[in-house]
Amino acid sequence: MRLSCSLTPFILLFFLFLVAPAVSSGVAILRTDYYQKTCPDFNKIVRDAVIAKQGQQPTTAAGTLRLFFHDCFLEGCDASVLIVTNSFNKAERDDDLNDSLPGDAFDIVNRIKTALELSCPGV
């Protein structure tokens, strides 16, 4: 089965948002309809954001995969690489090893997170 180019980034982010956290937390139950009741437009919101960003910057999917690889590699997929530095702590994303992580990968995660929070507050 061959996937269209516009669908591939969506599948990547779907994996990163739903499968990776479940695997890292030791939960064995994965469901594609996890947000069906609490945020019915979840899939559409993620898909639309990824397709729009991928159209603007074709390396977004690859950069996002790399971003989540860096997050998941040592301690599991805990989104720690997304935390920003503050006056009390230097964040993982600002570590020398992560200097080359692409900004557009952080951007697409922030765009999706914002869109989901606006559409489905508190979920």
PDB file of N, CA and C in Angstrom:
ATOM      1  N   MET A   1       0.827  -1.174   0.000  1.00  0.00           N
ATOM      2  CA  MET A   1       0.000   0.000   0.000  1.00  0.00           C
ATOM      3  C   MET A   1       0.874   1.240   0.000  1.00  0.00           C
ATOM      4  N   ARG A   2       0.660   2.133  -0.920  1.00  0.00           N
ATOM      5  CA  ARG A   2       1.444   3.356  -1.024  1.00  0.00           C
ATOM      6  C   ARG A   2       0.630   4.519  -0.456  1.00  0.00           C
ATOM      7  N   LEU A   3       1.266   5.315   0.427  1.00  0.00           N
ATOM      8  CA  LEU A   3       0.591   6.450   1.041  1.00  0.00           C
ATOM      9  C   LEU A   3       0.858   7.715   0.247  1.00  0.00           C
ATOM     10  N   SER A   4      -0.117   8.579   0.186  1.00  0.00           N
ATOM     11  CA  SER A   4       0.093   9.854  -0.496  1.00  0.00           C
ATOM     12  C   SER A   4       1.016  10.715   0.352  1.00  0.00           C
ATOM     13  N   CYS A   5       1.719  11.633  -0.289  1.00  0.00           N
ATOM     14  CA  CYS A   5       2.660  12.505   0.418  1.00  0.00           C
ATOM     15  C   CYS A   5       1.954  13.373   1.453  1.00  0.00           C
ATOM     16  N   SER A   6       0.716  13.775   1.182  1.00  0.00           N
ATOM     17  CA  SER A   6       0.016  14.638   2.131  1.00  0.00           C
ATOM     18  C   SER A   6      -0.465  13.856   3.351  1.00  0.00           C
ATOM     19  N   LEU A   7      -0.592  12.572   3.249  1.00  0.00           N
ATOM     20  CA  LEU A   7      -1.066  11.764   4.364  1.00  0.00           C
ATOM     21  C   LEU A   7       0.082  11.289   5.250  1.00  0.00           C
ATOM     22  N   THR A   8       1.260  11.134   4.702  1.00  0.00           N
ATOM     23  CA  THR A   8       2.398  10.614   5.444  1.00  0.00           C
ATOM     24  C   THR A   8       2.716  11.433   6.698  1.00  0.00           C
ATOM     25  N   PRO A   9       2.799  12.777   6.643  1.00  0.00           N
ATOM     26  CA  PRO A   9       3.080  13.533   7.868  1.00  0.00           C
ATOM     27  C   PRO A   9       1.998  13.356   8.922  1.00  0.00           C
ATOM     28  N   PHE A  10       0.768  13.239   8.501  1.00  0.00           N
ATOM     29  CA  PHE A  10      -0.326  13.038   9.446  1.00  0.00           C
ATOM     30  C   PHE A  10      -0.134  11.731  10.203  1.00  0.00           C
ATOM     31  N   ILE A  11       0.205  10.692   9.488  1.00  0.00           N
ATOM     32  CA  ILE A  11       0.415   9.389  10.130  1.00  0.00           C
ATOM     33  C   ILE A  11       1.590   9.472  11.091  1.00  0.00           C
ATOM     34  N   LEU A  12       2.633  10.183  10.699  1.00  0.00           N
ATOM     35  CA  LEU A  12       3.788  10.363  11.566  1.00  0.00           C
ATOM     36  C   LEU A  12       3.382  11.041  12.866  1.00  0.00           C
ATOM     37  N   LEU A  13       2.679  12.158  12.772  1.00  0.00           N
ATOM     38  CA  LEU A  13       2.293  12.862  13.979  1.00  0.00           C
ATOM     39  C   LEU A  13       1.244  12.096  14.786  1.00  0.00           C
ATOM     40  N   PHE A  14       0.387  11.368  14.108  1.00  0.00           N
ATOM     41  CA  PHE A  14      -0.580  10.524  14.809  1.00  0.00           C
ATOM     42  C   PHE A  14       0.178   9.522  15.675  1.00  0.00           C
ATOM     43  N   PHE A  15       1.206   8.915  15.109  1.00  0.00           N
ATOM     44  CA  PHE A  15       2.029   7.977  15.857  1.00  0.00           C
ATOM     45  C   PHE A  15       2.678   8.669  17.046  1.00  0.00           C
ATOM     46  N   LEU A  16       3.231   9.845  16.805  1.00  0.00           N
ATOM     47  CA  LEU A  16       3.959  10.531  17.859  1.00  0.00           C
ATOM     48  C   LEU A  16       3.052  11.010  18.986  1.00  0.00           C
ATOM     49  N   PHE A  17       1.833  11.404  18.664  1.00  0.00           N
ATOM     50  CA  PHE A  17       0.912  11.890  19.684  1.00  0.00           C
ATOM     51  C   PHE A  17       0.207  10.768  20.436  1.00  0.00           C
ATOM     52  N   LEU A  18      -0.080   9.662  19.770  1.00  0.00           N
ATOM     53  CA  LEU A  18      -0.883   8.617  20.417  1.00  0.00           C
ATOM     54  C   LEU A  18      -0.100   7.363  20.761  1.00  0.00           C
ATOM     55  N   VAL A  19       0.694   6.877  19.847  1.00  0.00           N
ATOM     56  CA  VAL A  19       1.379   5.604  20.060  1.00  0.00           C
ATOM     57  C   VAL A  19       2.585   5.767  20.960  1.00  0.00           C
ATOM     58  N   ALA A  20       3.448   6.720  20.675  1.00  0.00           N
ATOM     59  CA  ALA A  20       4.672   6.867  21.449  1.00  0.00           C
ATOM     60  C   ALA A  20       4.408   7.096  22.932  1.00  0.00           C
ATOM     61  N   PRO A  21       3.486   8.004  23.330  1.00  0.00           N
ATOM     62  CA  PRO A  21       3.232   8.156  24.766  1.00  0.00           C
ATOM     63  C   PRO A  21       2.704   6.879  25.415  1.00  0.00           C
ATOM     64  N   ALA A  22       1.870   6.150  24.728  1.00  0.00           N
ATOM     65  CA  ALA A  22       1.321   4.915  25.297  1.00  0.00           C
ATOM     66  C   ALA A  22       2.410   3.872  25.469  1.00  0.00           C
ATOM     67  N   VAL A  23       3.315   3.774  24.510  1.00  0.00           N
ATOM     68  CA  VAL A  23       4.397   2.803  24.596  1.00  0.00           C
ATOM     69  C   VAL A  23       5.337   3.170  25.735  1.00  0.00           C
ATOM     70  N   SER A  24       5.693   4.455  25.855  1.00  0.00           N
ATOM     71  CA  SER A  24       6.649   4.855  26.881  1.00  0.00           C
ATOM     72  C   SER A  24       6.063   4.741  28.287  1.00  0.00           C
ATOM     73  N   SER A  25       4.746   4.836  28.412  1.00  0.00           N
ATOM     74  CA  SER A  25       4.144   4.741  29.736  1.00  0.00           C
ATOM     75  C   SER A  25       3.825   3.301  30.128  1.00  0.00           C
ATOM     76  N   GLY A  26       4.084   2.357  29.239  1.00  0.00           N
ATOM     77  CA  GLY A  26       3.841   0.966  29.540  1.00  0.00           C
ATOM     78  C   GLY A  26       2.410   0.526  29.287  1.00  0.00           C
ATOM     79  N   VAL A  27       1.583   1.410  28.764  1.00  0.00           N
ATOM     80  CA  VAL A  27       0.189   1.079  28.473  1.00  0.00           C
ATOM     81  C   VAL A  27       0.140   0.294  27.176  1.00  0.00           C
ATOM     82  N   ALA A  28      -0.555  -0.830  27.186  1.00  0.00           N
ATOM     83  CA  ALA A  28      -0.589  -1.689  26.008  1.00  0.00           C
ATOM     84  C   ALA A  28      -1.801  -1.444  25.116  1.00  0.00           C
ATOM     85  N   ILE A  29      -2.749  -0.653  25.580  1.00  0.00           N
ATOM     86  CA  ILE A  29      -3.972  -0.442  24.815  1.00  0.00           C
ATOM     87  C   ILE A  29      -3.834   0.812  23.959  1.00  0.00           C
ATOM     88  N   LEU A  30      -3.883   0.636  22.642  1.00  0.00           N
ATOM     89  CA  LEU A  30      -3.823   1.746  21.702  1.00  0.00           C
ATOM     90  C   LEU A  30      -5.130   1.796  20.940  1.00  0.00           C
ATOM     91  N   ARG A  31      -5.724   2.964  20.886  1.00  0.00           N
ATOM     92  CA  ARG A  31      -6.984   3.111  20.182  1.00  0.00           C
ATOM     93  C   ARG A  31      -6.926   4.324  19.271  1.00  0.00           C
ATOM     94  N   THR A  32      -7.355   4.156  18.051  1.00  0.00           N
ATOM     95  CA  THR A  32      -7.364   5.283  17.117  1.00  0.00           C
ATOM     96  C   THR A  32      -8.499   6.250  17.412  1.00  0.00           C
ATOM     97  N   ASP A  33      -9.453   5.845  18.224  1.00  0.00           N
ATOM     98  CA  ASP A  33     -10.574   6.719  18.549  1.00  0.00           C
ATOM     99  C   ASP A  33     -10.476   7.287  19.974  1.00  0.00           C
ATOM    100  N   TYR A  34      -9.287   7.365  20.497  1.00  0.00           N
ATOM    101  CA  TYR A  34      -9.069   7.790  21.877  1.00  0.00           C
ATOM    102  C   TYR A  34      -9.734   9.137  22.183  1.00  0.00           C
ATOM    103  N   TYR A  35      -9.636  10.092  21.255  1.00  0.00           N
ATOM    104  CA  TYR A  35     -10.195  11.428  21.462  1.00  0.00           C
ATOM    105  C   TYR A  35     -11.583  11.601  20.838  1.00  0.00           C
ATOM    106  N   GLN A  36     -12.178  10.548  20.366  1.00  0.00           N
ATOM    107  CA  GLN A  36     -13.445  10.646  19.645  1.00  0.00           C
ATOM    108  C   GLN A  36     -14.534  11.373  20.440  1.00  0.00           C
ATOM    109  N   LYS A  37     -14.649  11.097  21.709  1.00  0.00           N
ATOM    110  CA  LYS A  37     -15.696  11.727  22.516  1.00  0.00           C
ATOM    111  C   LYS A  37     -15.272  13.075  23.085  1.00  0.00           C
ATOM    112  N   THR A  38     -14.026  13.205  23.484  1.00  0.00           N
ATOM    113  CA  THR A  38     -13.570  14.432  24.145  1.00  0.00           C
ATOM    114  C   THR A  38     -13.121  15.514  23.179  1.00  0.00           C
ATOM    115  N   CYS A  39     -12.675  15.133  21.994  1.00  0.00           N
ATOM    116  CA  CYS A  39     -12.220  16.094  20.983  1.00  0.00           C
ATOM    117  C   CYS A  39     -12.445  15.478  19.608  1.00  0.00           C
ATOM    118  N   PRO A  40     -13.704  15.464  19.143  1.00  0.00           N
ATOM    119  CA  PRO A  40     -14.042  14.742  17.920  1.00  0.00           C
ATOM    120  C   PRO A  40     -13.288  15.208  16.664  1.00  0.00           C
ATOM    121  N   ASP A  41     -12.815  16.450  16.663  1.00  0.00           N
ATOM    122  CA  ASP A  41     -12.088  16.963  15.496  1.00  0.00           C
ATOM    123  C   ASP A  41     -10.577  16.788  15.612  1.00  0.00           C
ATOM    124  N   PHE A  42     -10.133  16.001  16.573  1.00  0.00           N
ATOM    125  CA  PHE A  42      -8.695  15.819  16.814  1.00  0.00           C
ATOM    126  C   PHE A  42      -7.932  15.471  15.534  1.00  0.00           C
ATOM    127  N   ASN A  43      -8.363  14.414  14.857  1.00  0.00           N
ATOM    128  CA  ASN A  43      -7.646  13.970  13.654  1.00  0.00           C
ATOM    129  C   ASN A  43      -7.620  15.048  12.582  1.00  0.00           C
ATOM    130  N   LYS A  44      -8.711  15.720  12.378  1.00  0.00           N
ATOM    131  CA  LYS A  44      -8.793  16.767  11.361  1.00  0.00           C
ATOM    132  C   LYS A  44      -7.891  17.947  11.718  1.00  0.00           C
ATOM    133  N   ILE A  45      -7.879  18.326  12.981  1.00  0.00           N
ATOM    134  CA  ILE A  45      -7.040  19.444  13.425  1.00  0.00           C
ATOM    135  C   ILE A  45      -5.569  19.127  13.190  1.00  0.00           C
ATOM    136  N   VAL A  46      -5.139  17.941  13.598  1.00  0.00           N
ATOM    137  CA  VAL A  46      -3.744  17.541  13.414  1.00  0.00           C
ATOM    138  C   VAL A  46      -3.414  17.459  11.928  1.00  0.00           C
ATOM    139  N   ARG A  47      -4.277  16.798  11.163  1.00  0.00           N
ATOM    140  CA  ARG A  47      -4.042  16.633   9.724  1.00  0.00           C
ATOM    141  C   ARG A  47      -3.940  17.986   9.016  1.00  0.00           C
ATOM    142  N   ASP A  48      -4.870  18.879   9.279  1.00  0.00           N
ATOM    143  CA  ASP A  48      -4.868  20.181   8.615  1.00  0.00           C
ATOM    144  C   ASP A  48      -3.620  20.987   8.948  1.00  0.00           C
ATOM    145  N   ALA A  49      -3.211  20.959  10.208  1.00  0.00           N
ATOM    146  CA  ALA A  49      -2.013  21.696  10.617  1.00  0.00           C
ATOM    147  C   ALA A  49      -0.758  21.126   9.967  1.00  0.00           C
ATOM    148  N   VAL A  50      -0.659  19.808   9.933  1.00  0.00           N
ATOM    149  CA  VAL A  50       0.524  19.167   9.341  1.00  0.00           C
ATOM    150  C   VAL A  50       0.584  19.418   7.839  1.00  0.00           C
ATOM    151  N   ILE A  51      -0.528  19.282   7.156  1.00  0.00           N
ATOM    152  CA  ILE A  51      -0.540  19.487   5.707  1.00  0.00           C
ATOM    153  C   ILE A  51      -0.177  20.932   5.374  1.00  0.00           C
ATOM    154  N   ALA A  52      -0.725  21.887   6.133  1.00  0.00           N
ATOM    155  CA  ALA A  52      -0.412  23.294   5.889  1.00  0.00           C
ATOM    156  C   ALA A  52       1.071  23.575   6.122  1.00  0.00           C
ATOM    157  N   LYS A  53       1.611  23.099   7.221  1.00  0.00           N
ATOM    158  CA  LYS A  53       3.027  23.340   7.550  1.00  0.00           C
ATOM    159  C   LYS A  53       3.943  22.613   6.577  1.00  0.00           C
ATOM    160  N   GLN A  54       3.608  21.375   6.233  1.00  0.00           N
ATOM    161  CA  GLN A  54       4.420  20.594   5.298  1.00  0.00           C
ATOM    162  C   GLN A  54       4.437  21.271   3.929  1.00  0.00           C
ATOM    163  N   GLY A  55       3.328  21.899   3.537  1.00  0.00           N
ATOM    164  CA  GLY A  55       3.272  22.629   2.274  1.00  0.00           C
ATOM    165  C   GLY A  55       4.183  23.840   2.276  1.00  0.00           C
ATOM    166  N   GLN A  56       4.315  24.499   3.423  1.00  0.00           N
ATOM    167  CA  GLN A  56       5.184  25.669   3.549  1.00  0.00           C
ATOM    168  C   GLN A  56       6.651  25.269   3.674  1.00  0.00           C
ATOM    169  N   GLN A  57       6.890  24.208   4.406  1.00  0.00           N
ATOM    170  CA  GLN A  57       8.263  23.772   4.699  1.00  0.00           C
ATOM    171  C   GLN A  57       8.332  22.260   4.554  1.00  0.00           C
ATOM    172  N   PRO A  58       8.790  21.775   3.392  1.00  0.00           N
ATOM    173  CA  PRO A  58       8.761  20.334   3.097  1.00  0.00           C
ATOM    174  C   PRO A  58       9.584  19.445   4.043  1.00  0.00           C
ATOM    175  N   THR A  59      10.452  20.029   4.841  1.00  0.00           N
ATOM    176  CA  THR A  59      11.264  19.205   5.749  1.00  0.00           C
ATOM    177  C   THR A  59      10.631  19.050   7.133  1.00  0.00           C
ATOM    178  N   THR A  60       9.419  19.560   7.297  1.00  0.00           N
ATOM    179  CA  THR A  60       8.770  19.529   8.610  1.00  0.00           C
ATOM    180  C   THR A  60       8.620  18.119   9.167  1.00  0.00           C
ATOM    181  N   ALA A  61       8.139  17.188   8.376  1.00  0.00           N
ATOM    182  CA  ALA A  61       7.920  15.825   8.878  1.00  0.00           C
ATOM    183  C   ALA A  61       9.232  15.193   9.336  1.00  0.00           C
ATOM    184  N   ALA A  62      10.275  15.349   8.551  1.00  0.00           N
ATOM    185  CA  ALA A  62      11.571  14.777   8.929  1.00  0.00           C
ATOM    186  C   ALA A  62      12.096  15.431  10.200  1.00  0.00           C
ATOM    187  N   GLY A  63      11.963  16.738  10.306  1.00  0.00           N
ATOM    188  CA  GLY A  63      12.420  17.450  11.494  1.00  0.00           C
ATOM    189  C   GLY A  63      11.641  17.054  12.732  1.00  0.00           C
ATOM    190  N   THR A  64      10.342  16.834  12.561  1.00  0.00           N
ATOM    191  CA  THR A  64       9.504  16.439  13.689  1.00  0.00           C
ATOM    192  C   THR A  64       9.854  15.028  14.154  1.00  0.00           C
ATOM    193  N   LEU A  65      10.103  14.144  13.221  1.00  0.00           N
ATOM    194  CA  LEU A  65      10.534  12.789  13.576  1.00  0.00           C
ATOM    195  C   LEU A  65      11.837  12.855  14.373  1.00  0.00           C
ATOM    196  N   ARG A  66      12.765  13.692  13.932  1.00  0.00           N
ATOM    197  CA  ARG A  66      14.041  13.839  14.624  1.00  0.00           C
ATOM    198  C   ARG A  66      13.834  14.421  16.023  1.00  0.00           C
ATOM    199  N   LEU A  67      12.952  15.391  16.127  1.00  0.00           N
ATOM    200  CA  LEU A  67      12.640  16.004  17.416  1.00  0.00           C
ATOM    201  C   LEU A  67      12.147  14.950  18.406  1.00  0.00           C
ATOM    202  N   PHE A  68      11.200  14.127  17.973  1.00  0.00           N
ATOM    203  CA  PHE A  68      10.656  13.113  18.875  1.00  0.00           C
ATOM    204  C   PHE A  68      11.648  11.983  19.133  1.00  0.00           C
ATOM    205  N   PHE A  69      12.526  11.713  18.194  1.00  0.00           N
ATOM    206  CA  PHE A  69      13.587  10.733  18.443  1.00  0.00           C
ATOM    207  C   PHE A  69      14.462  11.225  19.595  1.00  0.00           C
ATOM    208  N   HIS A  70      14.841  12.510  19.541  1.00  0.00           N
ATOM    209  CA  HIS A  70      15.664  13.067  20.617  1.00  0.00           C
ATOM    210  C   HIS A  70      14.924  13.023  21.951  1.00  0.00           C
ATOM    211  N   ASP A  71      13.630  13.237  21.920  1.00  0.00           N
ATOM    212  CA  ASP A  71      12.846  13.208  23.146  1.00  0.00           C
ATOM    213  C   ASP A  71      12.745  11.783  23.704  1.00  0.00           C
ATOM    214  N   CYS A  72      12.540  10.817  22.840  1.00  0.00           N
ATOM    215  CA  CYS A  72      12.246   9.452  23.273  1.00  0.00           C
ATOM    216  C   CYS A  72      13.479   8.591  23.525  1.00  0.00           C
ATOM    217  N   PHE A  73      14.624   8.985  23.046  1.00  0.00           N
ATOM    218  CA  PHE A  73      15.778   8.106  23.024  1.00  0.00           C
ATOM    219  C   PHE A  73      16.241   7.649  24.404  1.00  0.00           C
ATOM    220  N   LEU A  74      16.394   8.527  25.361  1.00  0.00           N
ATOM    221  CA  LEU A  74      16.982   8.132  26.642  1.00  0.00           C
ATOM    222  C   LEU A  74      15.972   7.723  27.703  1.00  0.00           C
ATOM    223  N   GLU A  75      15.077   8.589  28.054  1.00  0.00           N
ATOM    224  CA  GLU A  75      14.179   8.361  29.184  1.00  0.00           C
ATOM    225  C   GLU A  75      12.741   8.069  28.771  1.00  0.00           C
ATOM    226  N   GLY A  76      12.488   7.841  27.515  1.00  0.00           N
ATOM    227  CA  GLY A  76      11.121   7.607  27.068  1.00  0.00           C
ATOM    228  C   GLY A  76      10.483   8.876  26.538  1.00  0.00           C
ATOM    229  N   CYS A  77       9.368   8.721  25.913  1.00  0.00           N
ATOM    230  CA  CYS A  77       8.665   9.834  25.262  1.00  0.00           C
ATOM    231  C   CYS A  77       7.876  10.616  26.297  1.00  0.00           C
ATOM    232  N   ASP A  78       8.494  11.667  26.839  1.00  0.00           N
ATOM    233  CA  ASP A  78       7.849  12.434  27.897  1.00  0.00           C
ATOM    234  C   ASP A  78       7.667  13.905  27.542  1.00  0.00           C
ATOM    235  N   ALA A  79       7.971  14.273  26.303  1.00  0.00           N
ATOM    236  CA  ALA A  79       7.838  15.648  25.812  1.00  0.00           C
ATOM    237  C   ALA A  79       8.789  16.612  26.508  1.00  0.00           C
ATOM    238  N   SER A  80       9.788  16.109  27.195  1.00  0.00           N
ATOM    239  CA  SER A  80      10.720  16.976  27.912  1.00  0.00           C
ATOM    240  C   SER A  80      11.505  17.883  26.973  1.00  0.00           C
ATOM    241  N   VAL A  81      11.692  17.482  25.742  1.00  0.00           N
ATOM    242  CA  VAL A  81      12.419  18.301  24.785  1.00  0.00           C
ATOM    243  C   VAL A  81      11.605  19.529  24.362  1.00  0.00           C
ATOM    244  N   LEU A  82      10.324  19.543  24.665  1.00  0.00           N
ATOM    245  CA  LEU A  82       9.474  20.683  24.312  1.00  0.00           C
ATOM    246  C   LEU A  82       9.471  21.774  25.385  1.00  0.00           C
ATOM    247  N   ILE A  83       9.957  21.471  26.577  1.00  0.00           N
ATOM    248  CA  ILE A  83       9.983  22.444  27.669  1.00  0.00           C
ATOM    249  C   ILE A  83      11.048  23.490  27.381  1.00  0.00           C
ATOM    250  N   VAL A  84      10.710  24.748  27.634  1.00  0.00           N
ATOM    251  CA  VAL A  84      11.655  25.842  27.368  1.00  0.00           C
ATOM    252  C   VAL A  84      12.413  26.211  28.641  1.00  0.00           C
ATOM    253  N   THR A  85      13.594  26.764  28.446  1.00  0.00           N
ATOM    254  CA  THR A  85      14.435  27.191  29.550  1.00  0.00           C
ATOM    255  C   THR A  85      13.765  28.354  30.287  1.00  0.00           C
ATOM    256  N   ASN A  86      13.920  28.361  31.608  1.00  0.00           N
ATOM    257  CA  ASN A  86      13.452  29.503  32.400  1.00  0.00           C
ATOM    258  C   ASN A  86      14.574  29.919  33.347  1.00  0.00           C
ATOM    259  N   SER A  87      14.306  30.846  34.227  1.00  0.00           N
ATOM    260  CA  SER A  87      15.350  31.366  35.118  1.00  0.00           C
ATOM    261  C   SER A  87      15.807  30.345  36.157  1.00  0.00           C
ATOM    262  N   PHE A  88      15.062  29.260  36.323  1.00  0.00           N
ATOM    263  CA  PHE A  88      15.403  28.254  37.327  1.00  0.00           C
ATOM    264  C   PHE A  88      16.084  27.022  36.755  1.00  0.00           C
ATOM    265  N   ASN A  89      15.997  26.850  35.423  1.00  0.00           N
ATOM    266  CA  ASN A  89      16.442  25.572  34.879  1.00  0.00           C
ATOM    267  C   ASN A  89      16.748  25.700  33.395  1.00  0.00           C
ATOM    268  N   LYS A  90      17.834  25.065  32.975  1.00  0.00           N
ATOM    269  CA  LYS A  90      18.161  24.991  31.557  1.00  0.00           C
ATOM    270  C   LYS A  90      17.453  23.764  30.979  1.00  0.00           C
ATOM    271  N   ALA A  91      16.634  23.987  29.999  1.00  0.00           N
ATOM    272  CA  ALA A  91      15.810  22.913  29.455  1.00  0.00           C
ATOM    273  C   ALA A  91      16.605  21.988  28.547  1.00  0.00           C
ATOM    274  N   GLU A  92      16.091  20.790  28.399  1.00  0.00           N
ATOM    275  CA  GLU A  92      16.710  19.771  27.538  1.00  0.00           C
ATOM    276  C   GLU A  92      16.867  20.268  26.108  1.00  0.00           C
ATOM    277  N   ARG A  93      15.898  21.026  25.612  1.00  0.00           N
ATOM    278  CA  ARG A  93      15.961  21.489  24.227  1.00  0.00           C
ATOM    279  C   ARG A  93      17.133  22.436  23.995  1.00  0.00           C
ATOM    280  N   ASP A  94      17.663  23.056  25.065  1.00  0.00           N
ATOM    281  CA  ASP A  94      18.781  23.981  24.934  1.00  0.00           C
ATOM    282  C   ASP A  94      20.127  23.330  25.217  1.00  0.00           C
ATOM    283  N   ASP A  95      20.129  22.028  25.430  1.00  0.00           N
ATOM    284  CA  ASP A  95      21.370  21.291  25.618  1.00  0.00           C
ATOM    285  C   ASP A  95      22.166  21.314  24.314  1.00  0.00           C
ATOM    286  N   ASP A  96      23.484  21.303  24.426  1.00  0.00           N
ATOM    287  CA  ASP A  96      24.339  21.342  23.236  1.00  0.00           C
ATOM    288  C   ASP A  96      24.016  20.229  22.249  1.00  0.00           C
ATOM    289  N   LEU A  97      23.649  19.046  22.757  1.00  0.00           N
ATOM    290  CA  LEU A  97      23.325  17.922  21.883  1.00  0.00           C
ATOM    291  C   LEU A  97      22.082  18.179  21.036  1.00  0.00           C
ATOM    292  N   ASN A  98      21.234  19.090  21.475  1.00  0.00           N
ATOM    293  CA  ASN A  98      19.982  19.360  20.772  1.00  0.00           C
ATOM    294  C   ASN A  98      19.996  20.686  20.011  1.00  0.00           C
ATOM    295  N   ASP A  99      21.174  21.320  19.913  1.00  0.00           N
ATOM    296  CA  ASP A  99      21.273  22.610  19.222  1.00  0.00           C
ATOM    297  C   ASP A  99      20.801  22.551  17.776  1.00  0.00           C
ATOM    298  N   SER A 100      20.961  21.422  17.150  1.00  0.00           N
ATOM    299  CA  SER A 100      20.636  21.332  15.719  1.00  0.00           C
ATOM    300  C   SER A 100      19.200  20.894  15.448  1.00  0.00           C
ATOM    301  N   LEU A 101      18.388  20.747  16.494  1.00  0.00           N
ATOM    302  CA  LEU A 101      16.991  20.369  16.264  1.00  0.00           C
ATOM    303  C   LEU A 101      16.289  21.497  15.506  1.00  0.00           C
ATOM    304  N   PRO A 102      15.542  21.159  14.467  1.00  0.00           N
ATOM    305  CA  PRO A 102      14.951  22.189  13.616  1.00  0.00           C
ATOM    306  C   PRO A 102      13.793  22.933  14.285  1.00  0.00           C
ATOM    307  N   GLY A 103      13.808  24.247  14.133  1.00  0.00           N
ATOM    308  CA  GLY A 103      12.766  25.087  14.708  1.00  0.00           C
ATOM    309  C   GLY A 103      11.386  24.801  14.154  1.00  0.00           C
ATOM    310  N   ASP A 104      11.310  24.384  12.867  1.00  0.00           N
ATOM    311  CA  ASP A 104       9.985  24.120  12.301  1.00  0.00           C
ATOM    312  C   ASP A 104       9.333  22.896  12.942  1.00  0.00           C
ATOM    313  N   ALA A 105      10.116  22.003  13.512  1.00  0.00           N
ATOM    314  CA  ALA A 105       9.542  20.852  14.223  1.00  0.00           C
ATOM    315  C   ALA A 105       8.870  21.317  15.507  1.00  0.00           C
ATOM    316  N   PHE A 106       9.525  22.221  16.236  1.00  0.00           N
ATOM    317  CA  PHE A 106       8.904  22.789  17.423  1.00  0.00           C
ATOM    318  C   PHE A 106       7.663  23.590  17.028  1.00  0.00           C
ATOM    319  N   ASP A 107       7.750  24.289  15.909  1.00  0.00           N
ATOM    320  CA  ASP A 107       6.648  25.119  15.446  1.00  0.00           C
ATOM    321  C   ASP A 107       5.397  24.293  15.155  1.00  0.00           C
ATOM    322  N   ILE A 108       5.545  23.170  14.465  1.00  0.00           N
ATOM    323  CA  ILE A 108       4.354  22.380  14.132  1.00  0.00           C
ATOM    324  C   ILE A 108       3.722  21.789  15.396  1.00  0.00           C
ATOM    325  N   VAL A 109       4.525  21.383  16.352  1.00  0.00           N
ATOM    326  CA  VAL A 109       3.984  20.866  17.613  1.00  0.00           C
ATOM    327  C   VAL A 109       3.211  21.974  18.321  1.00  0.00           C
ATOM    328  N   ASN A 110       3.775  23.175  18.362  1.00  0.00           N
ATOM    329  CA  ASN A 110       3.092  24.298  19.016  1.00  0.00           C
ATOM    330  C   ASN A 110       1.812  24.686  18.283  1.00  0.00           C
ATOM    331  N   ARG A 111       1.839  24.661  16.951  1.00  0.00           N
ATOM    332  CA  ARG A 111       0.634  24.975  16.174  1.00  0.00           C
ATOM    333  C   ARG A 111      -0.479  23.971  16.460  1.00  0.00           C
ATOM    334  N   ILE A 112      -0.127  22.699  16.475  1.00  0.00           N
ATOM    335  CA  ILE A 112      -1.126  21.660  16.732  1.00  0.00           C
ATOM    336  C   ILE A 112      -1.653  21.782  18.159  1.00  0.00           C
ATOM    337  N   LYS A 113      -0.753  21.958  19.102  1.00  0.00           N
ATOM    338  CA  LYS A 113      -1.156  22.078  20.504  1.00  0.00           C
ATOM    339  C   LYS A 113      -2.104  23.263  20.690  1.00  0.00           C
ATOM    340  N   THR A 114      -1.791  24.399  20.102  1.00  0.00           N
ATOM    341  CA  THR A 114      -2.641  25.583  20.214  1.00  0.00           C
ATOM    342  C   THR A 114      -4.003  25.339  19.580  1.00  0.00           C
ATOM    343  N   ALA A 115      -4.005  24.767  18.383  1.00  0.00           N
ATOM    344  CA  ALA A 115      -5.276  24.500  17.695  1.00  0.00           C
ATOM    345  C   ALA A 115      -6.141  23.532  18.493  1.00  0.00           C
ATOM    346  N   LEU A 116      -5.523  22.502  19.071  1.00  0.00           N
ATOM    347  CA  LEU A 116      -6.277  21.536  19.874  1.00  0.00           C
ATOM    348  C   LEU A 116      -6.817  22.174  21.155  1.00  0.00           C
ATOM    349  N   GLU A 117      -6.002  23.013  21.800  1.00  0.00           N
ATOM    350  CA  GLU A 117      -6.466  23.663  23.030  1.00  0.00           C
ATOM    351  C   GLU A 117      -7.607  24.642  22.760  1.00  0.00           C
ATOM    352  N   LEU A 118      -7.577  25.300  21.599  1.00  0.00           N
ATOM    353  CA  LEU A 118      -8.666  26.221  21.259  1.00  0.00           C
ATOM    354  C   LEU A 118      -9.952  25.468  20.936  1.00  0.00           C
ATOM    355  N   SER A 119      -9.797  24.358  20.240  1.00  0.00           N
ATOM    356  CA  SER A 119     -10.966  23.579  19.821  1.00  0.00           C
ATOM    357  C   SER A 119     -11.512  22.690  20.929  1.00  0.00           C
ATOM    358  N   CYS A 120     -10.628  22.175  21.762  1.00  0.00           N
ATOM    359  CA  CYS A 120     -11.017  21.229  22.812  1.00  0.00           C
ATOM    360  C   CYS A 120     -10.370  21.631  24.132  1.00  0.00           C
ATOM    361  N   PRO A 121     -10.794  22.733  24.728  1.00  0.00           N
ATOM    362  CA  PRO A 121     -10.139  23.190  25.960  1.00  0.00           C
ATOM    363  C   PRO A 121     -10.223  22.162  27.092  1.00  0.00           C
ATOM    364  N   GLY A 122      -9.111  22.005  27.779  1.00  0.00           N
ATOM    365  CA  GLY A 122      -9.082  21.130  28.934  1.00  0.00           C
ATOM    366  C   GLY A 122      -8.967  19.638  28.650  1.00  0.00           C
ATOM    367  N   VAL A 123      -8.823  19.275  27.380  1.00  0.00           N
ATOM    368  CA  VAL A 123      -8.762  17.850  27.049  1.00  0.00           C
ATOM    369  C   VAL A 123      -7.322  17.383  27.071  1.00  0.00           C
TER     370      VAL A 123
END
